[in-house]
Each structure stands twice: as C-alpha cells, then as structure tokens.
Amino acid sequence: MNSISEGAKELFKASSALLNQPIVKERVKEVASSVTFVFGLIEIYDLYKIARGDHKISTDVYPKSPRWIQVLNKVVIVCAKISLILSAAVSRPGVFIISSLVGSIFSFGPNTLFTINPWHPRHVVSIAAVIFAIPSVLQSTCIGISWIGKKVRHYRNVPVNGEAPNYWLTDSKVRLMTLFNTITSRPTLHFGNLLVSIIINS
C-alpha cells in the first residue's frame, strides 16, 4: 500500500513540476483562455438568436418527466450561459478587449495573482462564473451517472431535442463548454494546486 501511495505522490510531483514550468503554464493558459473566449462569443450569438425568437433557451425536452424538471433544466442552462459569458469576459482576449474599451474611463488596477489578491475584480468575476457553472456541472454529473445506470439496466429515456435538427448549440454542448471552463478556471486551478501540494507534502 505504501508503494502505491509513494508512486502516486511521485506521479503528482512530476505532473505538477511539468505543468508549473513557465513555458508550459503560459501555453496552457493561452490555449484555454482562447477556447473560453470563443465559447463566450458563441454564447453571445446564441443569446442574440434567443432574443430574436429564432429558438428557445433550452433544446432538450424530457417527455416522461414532470414539469418542474423542464423548468429546472432551463434554469441550469441559463446559469451555464451566464457562466460562459463571464468566463469569456475574464479570459485573456476578453480582458484585453474590455481594457481597450473602458481603460480610459476607469481601471481595475494591476491583475495580481489569485493567491495574492483573490478579491481582484477579474478573480471575483472568475469565482462568479464558477458559481453559475455549478448547477450545470452537477447536472452533467447526474446525467452521466444516470446514463451509466440506464445502460446497465438497458433502459432508454433520454431527452428529446426540441429544436430543428440543424441547430448546433444544444444543451449538451452548453454543458460541455461550461464543464471545460470550470475545469480551466482560476479558482479550480488554484484549489487544484493546493490539493496537489497537500498530497505531495503529506
């Protein structure tokens, strides 16, 4: 058992050392931040289409579920959409654009590290994005567990797509984008680093 524990610690230590190298860390941040920004643009366009009445907030219909499930799903999707936009706003491209537009009016001050000043406005918005994402992450987890259970029981009661077949941004894709943003968010990475540090030093 001790050999397994030591092996796990060494694996965590090696992974942490690799990912915390400045070059690797910066490249990962750039890629994740760019993807997050694109997700936000997609969501802004989606909200524009919703405002025009071209399609509905939620694309899934649960025909065998009670009405409150439908309402709850819409609330979760709305929270996920807000999270996607907030995440895009605090991504590197988002901060650059916002700073260029409003920098002459007011300034949020230097973007200090999350560990030094977690209450910096950029970090506060990141935390808010994660909070709005939590219902979607929980729903994704429940759907995953339910899917496994139904596969085991050979039972099929999946949600039906309520929009036209050519509608690209389905609820499942919104949940996946939100999950990606949550995993790569500053608060998650910060607490992930703390957890790895505790495991290595324990």
N, C-alpha and C. Protein backbone atom coordinates (compact mmCIF):
# COMPACT_ATOMS: atom_id res chain seq x y z
N MET A 1 0.83 -1.21 0.00
CA MET A 1 0.00 0.00 0.00
C MET A 1 0.86 1.26 0.00
N ASN A 2 1.95 1.22 0.80
CA ASN A 2 2.85 2.38 0.85
C ASN A 2 3.52 2.63 -0.49
N SER A 3 3.84 1.56 -1.21
CA SER A 3 4.47 1.72 -2.52
C SER A 3 3.53 2.37 -3.51
N ILE A 4 2.23 2.03 -3.43
CA ILE A 4 1.23 2.67 -4.31
C ILE A 4 1.11 4.14 -3.96
N SER A 5 1.06 4.44 -2.65
CA SER A 5 0.96 5.83 -2.20
C SER A 5 2.17 6.65 -2.63
N GLU A 6 3.33 6.09 -2.48
CA GLU A 6 4.55 6.79 -2.89
C GLU A 6 4.60 6.99 -4.40
N GLY A 7 4.14 5.98 -5.13
CA GLY A 7 4.10 6.09 -6.58
C GLY A 7 3.16 7.18 -7.04
N ALA A 8 1.99 7.27 -6.36
CA ALA A 8 1.01 8.31 -6.68
C ALA A 8 1.59 9.69 -6.40
N LYS A 9 2.30 9.81 -5.26
CA LYS A 9 2.92 11.10 -4.90
C LYS A 9 3.95 11.52 -5.95
N GLU A 10 4.76 10.55 -6.39
CA GLU A 10 5.79 10.85 -7.40
C GLU A 10 5.15 11.29 -8.71
N LEU A 11 4.03 10.64 -9.06
CA LEU A 11 3.31 10.99 -10.28
C LEU A 11 2.76 12.41 -10.19
N PHE A 12 2.13 12.73 -9.04
CA PHE A 12 1.62 14.08 -8.82
C PHE A 12 2.75 15.10 -8.86
N LYS A 13 3.87 14.76 -8.24
CA LYS A 13 5.02 15.68 -8.18
C LYS A 13 5.57 15.96 -9.58
N ALA A 14 5.70 14.90 -10.39
CA ALA A 14 6.23 15.05 -11.75
C ALA A 14 5.26 15.86 -12.62
N SER A 15 3.97 15.56 -12.49
CA SER A 15 2.96 16.29 -13.27
C SER A 15 2.91 17.75 -12.88
N SER A 16 2.98 18.01 -11.56
CA SER A 16 2.96 19.39 -11.07
C SER A 16 4.18 20.17 -11.55
N ALA A 17 5.35 19.52 -11.50
CA ALA A 17 6.58 20.17 -11.95
C ALA A 17 6.51 20.51 -13.43
N LEU A 18 5.95 19.60 -14.23
CA LEU A 18 5.84 19.83 -15.67
C LEU A 18 4.87 20.96 -15.98
N LEU A 19 3.68 20.91 -15.38
CA LEU A 19 2.64 21.90 -15.68
C LEU A 19 2.96 23.27 -15.11
N ASN A 20 3.82 23.34 -14.09
CA ASN A 20 4.16 24.63 -13.49
C ASN A 20 5.41 25.26 -14.08
N GLN A 21 6.00 24.62 -15.09
CA GLN A 21 7.09 25.27 -15.82
C GLN A 21 6.52 26.48 -16.56
N PRO A 22 7.16 27.64 -16.47
CA PRO A 22 6.62 28.87 -17.06
C PRO A 22 6.17 28.73 -18.51
N ILE A 23 6.98 28.08 -19.34
CA ILE A 23 6.63 27.96 -20.76
C ILE A 23 5.37 27.12 -20.94
N VAL A 24 5.33 25.97 -20.28
CA VAL A 24 4.17 25.07 -20.39
C VAL A 24 2.93 25.75 -19.81
N LYS A 25 3.09 26.38 -18.66
CA LYS A 25 1.98 27.03 -17.97
C LYS A 25 1.37 28.13 -18.83
N GLU A 26 2.23 28.95 -19.44
CA GLU A 26 1.74 30.04 -20.27
C GLU A 26 1.03 29.54 -21.52
N ARG A 27 1.56 28.48 -22.14
CA ARG A 27 0.94 27.94 -23.36
C ARG A 27 -0.44 27.35 -23.02
N VAL A 28 -0.52 26.64 -21.91
CA VAL A 28 -1.80 26.06 -21.49
C VAL A 28 -2.81 27.17 -21.22
N LYS A 29 -2.37 28.23 -20.54
CA LYS A 29 -3.25 29.36 -20.25
C LYS A 29 -3.73 30.03 -21.53
N GLU A 30 -2.82 30.20 -22.49
CA GLU A 30 -3.19 30.84 -23.75
C GLU A 30 -4.23 30.04 -24.52
N VAL A 31 -4.01 28.72 -24.60
CA VAL A 31 -4.95 27.86 -25.33
C VAL A 31 -6.30 27.84 -24.63
N ALA A 32 -6.29 27.58 -23.31
CA ALA A 32 -7.54 27.50 -22.55
C ALA A 32 -8.29 28.83 -22.59
N SER A 33 -7.56 29.92 -22.48
CA SER A 33 -8.18 31.25 -22.49
C SER A 33 -8.80 31.57 -23.85
N SER A 34 -8.12 31.19 -24.92
CA SER A 34 -8.66 31.42 -26.27
C SER A 34 -9.92 30.60 -26.51
N VAL A 35 -9.89 29.33 -26.08
CA VAL A 35 -11.07 28.47 -26.22
C VAL A 35 -12.24 29.04 -25.42
N THR A 36 -11.97 29.47 -24.20
CA THR A 36 -13.00 30.06 -23.34
C THR A 36 -13.62 31.30 -23.98
N PHE A 37 -12.77 32.12 -24.60
CA PHE A 37 -13.25 33.34 -25.25
C PHE A 37 -14.17 32.99 -26.43
N VAL A 38 -13.78 31.99 -27.21
CA VAL A 38 -14.60 31.56 -28.35
C VAL A 38 -15.95 31.03 -27.85
N PHE A 39 -15.93 30.26 -26.77
CA PHE A 39 -17.18 29.76 -26.19
C PHE A 39 -18.10 30.92 -25.82
N GLY A 40 -17.52 31.98 -25.25
CA GLY A 40 -18.30 33.15 -24.88
C GLY A 40 -18.92 33.84 -26.08
N LEU A 41 -18.15 33.96 -27.16
CA LEU A 41 -18.68 34.56 -28.39
C LEU A 41 -19.84 33.74 -28.94
N ILE A 42 -19.68 32.42 -28.92
CA ILE A 42 -20.76 31.53 -29.38
C ILE A 42 -22.02 31.76 -28.55
N GLU A 43 -21.83 31.89 -27.24
CA GLU A 43 -22.97 32.08 -26.35
C GLU A 43 -23.63 33.44 -26.54
N ILE A 44 -22.83 34.48 -26.76
CA ILE A 44 -23.40 35.81 -27.02
C ILE A 44 -24.25 35.78 -28.28
N TYR A 45 -23.76 35.11 -29.32
CA TYR A 45 -24.54 34.97 -30.55
C TYR A 45 -25.81 34.17 -30.30
N ASP A 46 -25.69 33.13 -29.48
CA ASP A 46 -26.86 32.31 -29.15
C ASP A 46 -27.92 33.13 -28.43
N LEU A 47 -27.50 33.97 -27.47
CA LEU A 47 -28.45 34.82 -26.76
C LEU A 47 -29.11 35.83 -27.70
N TYR A 48 -28.35 36.30 -28.68
CA TYR A 48 -28.92 37.19 -29.70
C TYR A 48 -30.03 36.48 -30.47
N LYS A 49 -29.78 35.21 -30.83
CA LYS A 49 -30.78 34.43 -31.56
C LYS A 49 -32.01 34.17 -30.68
N ILE A 50 -31.78 33.93 -29.39
CA ILE A 50 -32.89 33.72 -28.47
C ILE A 50 -33.73 35.00 -28.34
N ALA A 51 -33.05 36.16 -28.23
CA ALA A 51 -33.74 37.44 -28.12
C ALA A 51 -34.59 37.73 -29.36
N ARG A 52 -34.11 37.28 -30.50
CA ARG A 52 -34.87 37.46 -31.75
C ARG A 52 -36.03 36.48 -31.88
N GLY A 53 -36.04 35.46 -31.02
CA GLY A 53 -37.10 34.46 -31.07
C GLY A 53 -36.85 33.37 -32.07
N ASP A 54 -35.60 33.23 -32.53
CA ASP A 54 -35.28 32.20 -33.52
C ASP A 54 -35.26 30.80 -32.93
N HIS A 55 -34.94 30.70 -31.63
CA HIS A 55 -35.02 29.41 -30.96
C HIS A 55 -35.17 29.62 -29.46
N LYS A 56 -35.36 28.52 -28.73
CA LYS A 56 -35.65 28.59 -27.29
C LYS A 56 -34.37 28.54 -26.46
N ILE A 57 -34.52 28.82 -25.16
CA ILE A 57 -33.38 28.80 -24.26
C ILE A 57 -32.80 27.39 -24.16
N SER A 58 -33.68 26.41 -23.97
CA SER A 58 -33.25 25.02 -23.83
C SER A 58 -33.67 24.21 -25.05
N THR A 59 -32.81 23.31 -25.50
CA THR A 59 -33.13 22.48 -26.67
C THR A 59 -33.65 21.11 -26.28
N ASP A 60 -33.56 20.76 -24.99
CA ASP A 60 -33.97 19.43 -24.56
C ASP A 60 -35.38 19.42 -24.00
N VAL A 61 -36.11 18.38 -24.33
CA VAL A 61 -37.44 18.15 -23.79
C VAL A 61 -37.44 16.76 -23.17
N TYR A 62 -37.92 16.68 -21.93
CA TYR A 62 -37.97 15.40 -21.22
C TYR A 62 -39.43 14.93 -21.18
N PRO A 63 -39.87 14.17 -22.19
CA PRO A 63 -41.29 13.85 -22.34
C PRO A 63 -41.89 13.04 -21.20
N LYS A 64 -41.08 12.26 -20.48
CA LYS A 64 -41.60 11.41 -19.40
C LYS A 64 -41.32 11.99 -18.02
N SER A 65 -40.87 13.24 -17.98
CA SER A 65 -40.54 13.87 -16.70
C SER A 65 -41.56 14.93 -16.33
N PRO A 66 -41.73 15.22 -15.03
CA PRO A 66 -42.68 16.25 -14.60
C PRO A 66 -42.25 17.65 -15.05
N ARG A 67 -43.18 18.58 -14.96
CA ARG A 67 -42.96 19.95 -15.43
C ARG A 67 -41.78 20.62 -14.73
N TRP A 68 -41.60 20.35 -13.43
CA TRP A 68 -40.54 21.04 -12.69
C TRP A 68 -39.15 20.66 -13.21
N ILE A 69 -39.03 19.47 -13.79
CA ILE A 69 -37.76 19.07 -14.40
C ILE A 69 -37.45 19.97 -15.59
N GLN A 70 -38.48 20.28 -16.38
CA GLN A 70 -38.31 21.17 -17.53
C GLN A 70 -37.84 22.56 -17.08
N VAL A 71 -38.50 23.07 -16.03
CA VAL A 71 -38.16 24.41 -15.52
C VAL A 71 -36.75 24.40 -14.94
N LEU A 72 -36.43 23.37 -14.15
CA LEU A 72 -35.10 23.27 -13.55
C LEU A 72 -34.02 23.22 -14.63
N ASN A 73 -34.26 22.46 -15.70
CA ASN A 73 -33.28 22.37 -16.79
C ASN A 73 -33.05 23.73 -17.42
N LYS A 74 -34.11 24.51 -17.61
CA LYS A 74 -33.96 25.85 -18.19
C LYS A 74 -33.15 26.76 -17.28
N VAL A 75 -33.40 26.67 -15.97
CA VAL A 75 -32.64 27.49 -15.01
C VAL A 75 -31.16 27.13 -15.07
N VAL A 76 -30.87 25.83 -15.11
CA VAL A 76 -29.48 25.36 -15.19
C VAL A 76 -28.81 25.86 -16.46
N ILE A 77 -29.51 25.79 -17.59
CA ILE A 77 -28.95 26.23 -18.87
C ILE A 77 -28.72 27.75 -18.87
N VAL A 78 -29.64 28.50 -18.28
CA VAL A 78 -29.46 29.97 -18.19
C VAL A 78 -28.23 30.29 -17.36
N CYS A 79 -28.06 29.61 -16.21
CA CYS A 79 -26.88 29.82 -15.37
C CYS A 79 -25.60 29.47 -16.14
N ALA A 80 -25.64 28.39 -16.92
CA ALA A 80 -24.47 27.97 -17.71
C ALA A 80 -24.13 29.02 -18.76
N LYS A 81 -25.15 29.59 -19.38
CA LYS A 81 -24.93 30.62 -20.40
C LYS A 81 -24.28 31.87 -19.78
N ILE A 82 -24.77 32.25 -18.59
CA ILE A 82 -24.17 33.39 -17.89
C ILE A 82 -22.72 33.09 -17.55
N SER A 83 -22.46 31.87 -17.10
CA SER A 83 -21.09 31.45 -16.75
C SER A 83 -20.17 31.53 -17.96
N LEU A 84 -20.64 31.09 -19.11
CA LEU A 84 -19.83 31.12 -20.33
C LEU A 84 -19.44 32.55 -20.70
N ILE A 85 -20.38 33.47 -20.56
CA ILE A 85 -20.10 34.87 -20.91
C ILE A 85 -19.16 35.51 -19.90
N LEU A 86 -19.37 35.24 -18.61
CA LEU A 86 -18.47 35.78 -17.59
C LEU A 86 -17.05 35.24 -17.76
N SER A 87 -16.95 33.94 -18.07
CA SER A 87 -15.63 33.33 -18.28
C SER A 87 -14.92 33.97 -19.47
N ALA A 88 -15.67 34.24 -20.53
CA ALA A 88 -15.08 34.89 -21.71
C ALA A 88 -14.60 36.30 -21.38
N ALA A 89 -15.36 36.99 -20.53
CA ALA A 89 -15.01 38.37 -20.17
C ALA A 89 -13.69 38.45 -19.43
N VAL A 90 -13.38 37.41 -18.62
CA VAL A 90 -12.13 37.44 -17.85
C VAL A 90 -11.03 36.59 -18.48
N SER A 91 -11.28 36.08 -19.69
CA SER A 91 -10.22 35.39 -20.42
C SER A 91 -9.22 36.44 -20.91
N ARG A 92 -8.06 36.02 -21.36
CA ARG A 92 -7.05 36.99 -21.81
C ARG A 92 -7.54 37.87 -22.95
N PRO A 93 -8.15 37.27 -24.01
CA PRO A 93 -8.68 38.14 -25.07
C PRO A 93 -9.79 39.05 -24.56
N GLY A 94 -10.63 38.53 -23.67
CA GLY A 94 -11.73 39.33 -23.13
C GLY A 94 -11.23 40.51 -22.32
N VAL A 95 -10.25 40.27 -21.45
CA VAL A 95 -9.68 41.35 -20.64
C VAL A 95 -9.02 42.40 -21.52
N PHE A 96 -8.32 41.94 -22.57
CA PHE A 96 -7.66 42.88 -23.47
C PHE A 96 -8.68 43.79 -24.16
N ILE A 97 -9.78 43.19 -24.64
CA ILE A 97 -10.81 43.98 -25.33
C ILE A 97 -11.49 44.94 -24.36
N ILE A 98 -11.88 44.43 -23.18
CA ILE A 98 -12.56 45.29 -22.20
C ILE A 98 -11.64 46.42 -21.74
N SER A 99 -10.37 46.11 -21.50
CA SER A 99 -9.42 47.14 -21.07
C SER A 99 -9.23 48.20 -22.15
N SER A 100 -9.21 47.77 -23.41
CA SER A 100 -9.06 48.71 -24.52
C SER A 100 -10.28 49.63 -24.63
N LEU A 101 -11.47 49.09 -24.33
CA LEU A 101 -12.69 49.88 -24.48
C LEU A 101 -12.94 50.82 -23.31
N VAL A 102 -12.69 50.34 -22.08
CA VAL A 102 -13.04 51.14 -20.91
C VAL A 102 -11.83 51.58 -20.10
N GLY A 103 -10.64 51.23 -20.55
CA GLY A 103 -9.43 51.58 -19.80
C GLY A 103 -9.25 53.07 -19.62
N SER A 104 -9.75 53.85 -20.57
CA SER A 104 -9.59 55.31 -20.46
C SER A 104 -10.59 55.91 -19.47
N ILE A 105 -11.64 55.16 -19.11
CA ILE A 105 -12.66 55.67 -18.19
C ILE A 105 -12.30 55.32 -16.75
N PHE A 106 -12.02 54.03 -16.52
CA PHE A 106 -11.61 53.60 -15.18
C PHE A 106 -10.70 52.38 -15.31
N SER A 107 -10.00 52.10 -14.24
CA SER A 107 -9.07 50.98 -14.24
C SER A 107 -9.29 50.10 -13.02
N PHE A 108 -9.19 48.78 -13.19
CA PHE A 108 -9.31 47.85 -12.09
C PHE A 108 -8.00 47.66 -11.34
N GLY A 109 -6.95 48.31 -11.82
CA GLY A 109 -5.66 48.14 -11.18
C GLY A 109 -4.93 46.93 -11.74
N PRO A 110 -3.72 46.68 -11.26
CA PRO A 110 -2.93 45.56 -11.79
C PRO A 110 -3.61 44.22 -11.51
N ASN A 111 -3.46 43.30 -12.45
CA ASN A 111 -4.05 41.97 -12.31
C ASN A 111 -3.14 41.09 -11.46
N THR A 112 -3.27 41.20 -10.15
CA THR A 112 -2.41 40.43 -9.26
C THR A 112 -2.79 38.96 -9.30
N LEU A 113 -1.89 38.11 -8.80
CA LEU A 113 -2.13 36.68 -8.78
C LEU A 113 -3.31 36.33 -7.87
N PHE A 114 -3.99 35.24 -8.20
CA PHE A 114 -5.14 34.80 -7.43
C PHE A 114 -4.74 34.53 -5.97
N THR A 115 -3.55 33.95 -5.78
CA THR A 115 -3.10 33.62 -4.42
C THR A 115 -2.81 34.88 -3.59
N ILE A 116 -2.43 35.97 -4.28
CA ILE A 116 -2.09 37.22 -3.56
C ILE A 116 -3.34 38.04 -3.28
N ASN A 117 -4.19 38.20 -4.29
CA ASN A 117 -5.39 39.03 -4.14
C ASN A 117 -6.58 38.38 -4.85
N PRO A 118 -7.24 37.41 -4.18
CA PRO A 118 -8.38 36.75 -4.81
C PRO A 118 -9.59 37.66 -5.00
N TRP A 119 -9.56 38.86 -4.37
CA TRP A 119 -10.69 39.78 -4.49
C TRP A 119 -10.48 40.82 -5.58
N HIS A 120 -9.47 40.63 -6.39
CA HIS A 120 -9.32 41.47 -7.57
C HIS A 120 -10.56 41.27 -8.45
N PRO A 121 -11.10 42.34 -9.06
CA PRO A 121 -12.34 42.20 -9.86
C PRO A 121 -12.31 41.07 -10.89
N ARG A 122 -11.15 40.87 -11.53
CA ARG A 122 -11.07 39.80 -12.51
C ARG A 122 -11.26 38.44 -11.85
N HIS A 123 -10.71 38.25 -10.66
CA HIS A 123 -10.82 36.99 -9.96
C HIS A 123 -12.23 36.81 -9.38
N VAL A 124 -12.84 37.92 -8.95
CA VAL A 124 -14.21 37.86 -8.42
C VAL A 124 -15.16 37.39 -9.53
N VAL A 125 -14.97 37.92 -10.73
CA VAL A 125 -15.81 37.50 -11.85
C VAL A 125 -15.55 36.03 -12.19
N SER A 126 -14.29 35.59 -12.07
CA SER A 126 -13.97 34.18 -12.29
C SER A 126 -14.69 33.28 -11.29
N ILE A 127 -14.71 33.72 -10.03
CA ILE A 127 -15.42 32.96 -8.99
C ILE A 127 -16.91 32.93 -9.29
N ALA A 128 -17.46 34.09 -9.70
CA ALA A 128 -18.89 34.15 -10.05
C ALA A 128 -19.21 33.20 -11.21
N ALA A 129 -18.31 33.13 -12.19
CA ALA A 129 -18.51 32.23 -13.33
C ALA A 129 -18.56 30.78 -12.88
N VAL A 130 -17.69 30.42 -11.94
CA VAL A 130 -17.69 29.05 -11.41
C VAL A 130 -18.97 28.77 -10.63
N ILE A 131 -19.42 29.75 -9.84
CA ILE A 131 -20.66 29.57 -9.06
C ILE A 131 -21.85 29.35 -10.00
N PHE A 132 -21.93 30.15 -11.06
CA PHE A 132 -23.01 29.97 -12.03
C PHE A 132 -22.89 28.63 -12.77
N ALA A 133 -21.67 28.11 -12.87
CA ALA A 133 -21.45 26.84 -13.58
C ALA A 133 -21.78 25.62 -12.73
N ILE A 134 -21.81 25.77 -11.42
CA ILE A 134 -22.00 24.62 -10.53
C ILE A 134 -23.27 23.82 -10.85
N PRO A 135 -24.45 24.47 -11.06
CA PRO A 135 -25.64 23.66 -11.40
C PRO A 135 -25.45 22.82 -12.66
N SER A 136 -24.78 23.38 -13.67
CA SER A 136 -24.55 22.64 -14.91
C SER A 136 -23.59 21.47 -14.68
N VAL A 137 -22.55 21.70 -13.89
CA VAL A 137 -21.59 20.63 -13.59
C VAL A 137 -22.28 19.51 -12.82
N LEU A 138 -23.12 19.86 -11.85
CA LEU A 138 -23.87 18.85 -11.09
C LEU A 138 -24.83 18.10 -12.00
N GLN A 139 -25.50 18.85 -12.89
CA GLN A 139 -26.42 18.20 -13.83
C GLN A 139 -25.68 17.25 -14.76
N SER A 140 -24.51 17.67 -15.25
CA SER A 140 -23.70 16.81 -16.11
C SER A 140 -23.31 15.53 -15.38
N THR A 141 -22.94 15.67 -14.10
CA THR A 141 -22.58 14.51 -13.29
C THR A 141 -23.77 13.57 -13.13
N CYS A 142 -24.94 14.13 -12.83
CA CYS A 142 -26.15 13.31 -12.66
C CYS A 142 -26.53 12.62 -13.96
N ILE A 143 -26.42 13.34 -15.08
CA ILE A 143 -26.75 12.75 -16.38
C ILE A 143 -25.79 11.61 -16.70
N GLY A 144 -24.50 11.81 -16.39
CA GLY A 144 -23.52 10.76 -16.63
C GLY A 144 -23.81 9.52 -15.81
N ILE A 145 -24.10 9.72 -14.51
CA ILE A 145 -24.42 8.58 -13.64
C ILE A 145 -25.69 7.88 -14.11
N SER A 146 -26.71 8.70 -14.47
CA SER A 146 -27.97 8.14 -14.96
C SER A 146 -27.77 7.36 -16.24
N TRP A 147 -26.93 7.89 -17.13
CA TRP A 147 -26.66 7.21 -18.42
C TRP A 147 -26.03 5.84 -18.18
N ILE A 148 -25.07 5.80 -17.24
CA ILE A 148 -24.43 4.52 -16.92
C ILE A 148 -25.45 3.54 -16.34
N GLY A 149 -26.31 4.05 -15.43
CA GLY A 149 -27.33 3.20 -14.84
C GLY A 149 -28.30 2.65 -15.87
N LYS A 150 -28.70 3.50 -16.80
CA LYS A 150 -29.64 3.06 -17.83
C LYS A 150 -29.00 2.07 -18.80
N LYS A 151 -27.72 2.24 -19.04
CA LYS A 151 -27.00 1.28 -19.88
C LYS A 151 -26.97 -0.09 -19.20
N VAL A 152 -26.74 -0.07 -17.89
CA VAL A 152 -26.69 -1.33 -17.14
C VAL A 152 -28.06 -2.01 -17.15
N ARG A 153 -29.13 -1.19 -17.01
CA ARG A 153 -30.49 -1.75 -16.95
C ARG A 153 -31.12 -1.88 -18.33
N HIS A 154 -30.40 -1.45 -19.38
CA HIS A 154 -30.93 -1.47 -20.75
C HIS A 154 -32.23 -0.67 -20.86
N TYR A 155 -32.22 0.51 -20.19
CA TYR A 155 -33.41 1.35 -20.17
C TYR A 155 -33.12 2.64 -20.94
N ARG A 156 -34.08 3.07 -21.74
CA ARG A 156 -33.87 4.25 -22.58
C ARG A 156 -34.95 5.29 -22.32
N ASN A 157 -34.56 6.44 -21.79
CA ASN A 157 -35.47 7.57 -21.59
C ASN A 157 -34.65 8.85 -21.67
N VAL A 158 -34.04 9.08 -22.82
CA VAL A 158 -33.15 10.22 -23.00
C VAL A 158 -33.95 11.45 -23.39
N PRO A 159 -33.45 12.65 -23.12
CA PRO A 159 -34.15 13.86 -23.54
C PRO A 159 -34.22 13.95 -25.05
N VAL A 160 -35.31 14.53 -25.54
CA VAL A 160 -35.50 14.69 -26.98
C VAL A 160 -35.15 16.11 -27.36
N ASN A 161 -34.36 16.27 -28.41
CA ASN A 161 -34.00 17.61 -28.87
C ASN A 161 -35.25 18.31 -29.36
N GLY A 162 -35.55 19.47 -28.74
CA GLY A 162 -36.77 20.17 -29.08
C GLY A 162 -36.63 21.16 -30.21
N GLU A 163 -35.45 21.31 -30.79
CA GLU A 163 -35.22 22.27 -31.85
C GLU A 163 -35.03 21.57 -33.19
N ALA A 164 -34.84 22.39 -34.21
CA ALA A 164 -34.61 21.84 -35.55
C ALA A 164 -33.31 21.05 -35.57
N PRO A 165 -33.22 20.01 -36.41
CA PRO A 165 -32.03 19.17 -36.45
C PRO A 165 -30.74 19.93 -36.79
N ASN A 166 -30.86 21.07 -37.48
CA ASN A 166 -29.66 21.82 -37.87
C ASN A 166 -29.22 22.81 -36.79
N TYR A 167 -29.88 22.79 -35.63
CA TYR A 167 -29.50 23.69 -34.54
C TYR A 167 -28.28 23.12 -33.84
N TRP A 168 -27.16 23.85 -33.92
CA TRP A 168 -25.88 23.30 -33.46
C TRP A 168 -25.71 23.35 -31.95
N LEU A 169 -26.05 24.47 -31.32
CA LEU A 169 -25.75 24.66 -29.90
C LEU A 169 -26.84 24.03 -29.03
N THR A 170 -26.71 22.74 -28.78
CA THR A 170 -27.66 22.02 -27.94
C THR A 170 -27.29 22.18 -26.46
N ASP A 171 -28.20 21.76 -25.59
CA ASP A 171 -27.94 21.84 -24.15
C ASP A 171 -26.69 21.05 -23.76
N SER A 172 -26.51 19.88 -24.37
CA SER A 172 -25.35 19.05 -24.02
C SER A 172 -24.05 19.77 -24.35
N LYS A 173 -24.01 20.52 -25.45
CA LYS A 173 -22.80 21.26 -25.81
C LYS A 173 -22.58 22.44 -24.87
N VAL A 174 -23.66 23.08 -24.44
CA VAL A 174 -23.54 24.16 -23.46
C VAL A 174 -22.95 23.61 -22.16
N ARG A 175 -23.43 22.43 -21.74
CA ARG A 175 -22.90 21.82 -20.52
C ARG A 175 -21.43 21.44 -20.66
N LEU A 176 -21.06 20.91 -21.82
CA LEU A 176 -19.65 20.53 -22.05
C LEU A 176 -18.74 21.76 -22.05
N MET A 177 -19.17 22.84 -22.70
CA MET A 177 -18.37 24.07 -22.70
C MET A 177 -18.22 24.62 -21.29
N THR A 178 -19.32 24.58 -20.52
CA THR A 178 -19.29 25.07 -19.15
C THR A 178 -18.36 24.21 -18.29
N LEU A 179 -18.39 22.90 -18.50
CA LEU A 179 -17.51 22.00 -17.76
C LEU A 179 -16.04 22.29 -18.06
N PHE A 180 -15.72 22.52 -19.34
CA PHE A 180 -14.35 22.86 -19.73
C PHE A 180 -13.91 24.15 -19.03
N ASN A 181 -14.76 25.18 -19.09
CA ASN A 181 -14.41 26.46 -18.46
C ASN A 181 -14.22 26.32 -16.96
N THR A 182 -15.05 25.48 -16.34
CA THR A 182 -14.94 25.29 -14.88
C THR A 182 -13.62 24.62 -14.52
N ILE A 183 -13.26 23.59 -15.28
CA ILE A 183 -12.00 22.88 -15.00
C ILE A 183 -10.79 23.77 -15.20
N THR A 184 -10.83 24.65 -16.21
CA THR A 184 -9.68 25.50 -16.52
C THR A 184 -9.76 26.89 -15.86
N SER A 185 -10.74 27.11 -15.00
CA SER A 185 -10.90 28.41 -14.36
C SER A 185 -9.83 28.64 -13.30
N ARG A 186 -9.59 29.91 -12.98
CA ARG A 186 -8.59 30.26 -11.96
C ARG A 186 -8.90 29.63 -10.60
N PRO A 187 -10.15 29.75 -10.10
CA PRO A 187 -10.42 29.16 -8.78
C PRO A 187 -10.18 27.65 -8.74
N THR A 188 -10.61 26.94 -9.80
CA THR A 188 -10.42 25.49 -9.83
C THR A 188 -8.94 25.12 -9.87
N LEU A 189 -8.18 25.82 -10.73
CA LEU A 189 -6.75 25.54 -10.82
C LEU A 189 -6.03 25.88 -9.52
N HIS A 190 -6.46 26.96 -8.87
CA HIS A 190 -5.84 27.36 -7.60
C HIS A 190 -6.05 26.27 -6.55
N PHE A 191 -7.30 25.82 -6.41
CA PHE A 191 -7.58 24.78 -5.41
C PHE A 191 -6.99 23.44 -5.82
N GLY A 192 -6.87 23.22 -7.12
CA GLY A 192 -6.20 22.01 -7.60
C GLY A 192 -4.74 22.00 -7.20
N ASN A 193 -4.08 23.15 -7.34
CA ASN A 193 -2.67 23.27 -6.93
C ASN A 193 -2.51 23.05 -5.43
N LEU A 194 -3.45 23.60 -4.64
CA LEU A 194 -3.39 23.41 -3.18
C LEU A 194 -3.55 21.93 -2.83
N LEU A 195 -4.48 21.25 -3.52
CA LEU A 195 -4.73 19.84 -3.25
C LEU A 195 -3.50 19.00 -3.59
N VAL A 196 -2.89 19.29 -4.76
CA VAL A 196 -1.68 18.55 -5.17
C VAL A 196 -0.56 18.80 -4.17
N SER A 197 -0.43 20.05 -3.71
CA SER A 197 0.61 20.39 -2.73
C SER A 197 0.41 19.63 -1.42
N ILE A 198 -0.85 19.50 -1.00
CA ILE A 198 -1.16 18.76 0.24
C ILE A 198 -0.81 17.28 0.06
N ILE A 199 -1.17 16.73 -1.12
CA ILE A 199 -0.89 15.30 -1.38
C ILE A 199 0.62 15.04 -1.40
N ILE A 200 1.36 15.93 -2.06
CA ILE A 200 2.81 15.74 -2.17
C ILE A 200 3.50 15.85 -0.83
N ASN A 201 3.03 16.80 0.00
CA ASN A 201 3.69 17.04 1.29
C ASN A 201 3.16 16.19 2.44
N SER A 202 2.14 15.39 2.18
CA SER A 202 1.56 14.59 3.26
C SER A 202 2.40 13.33 3.54
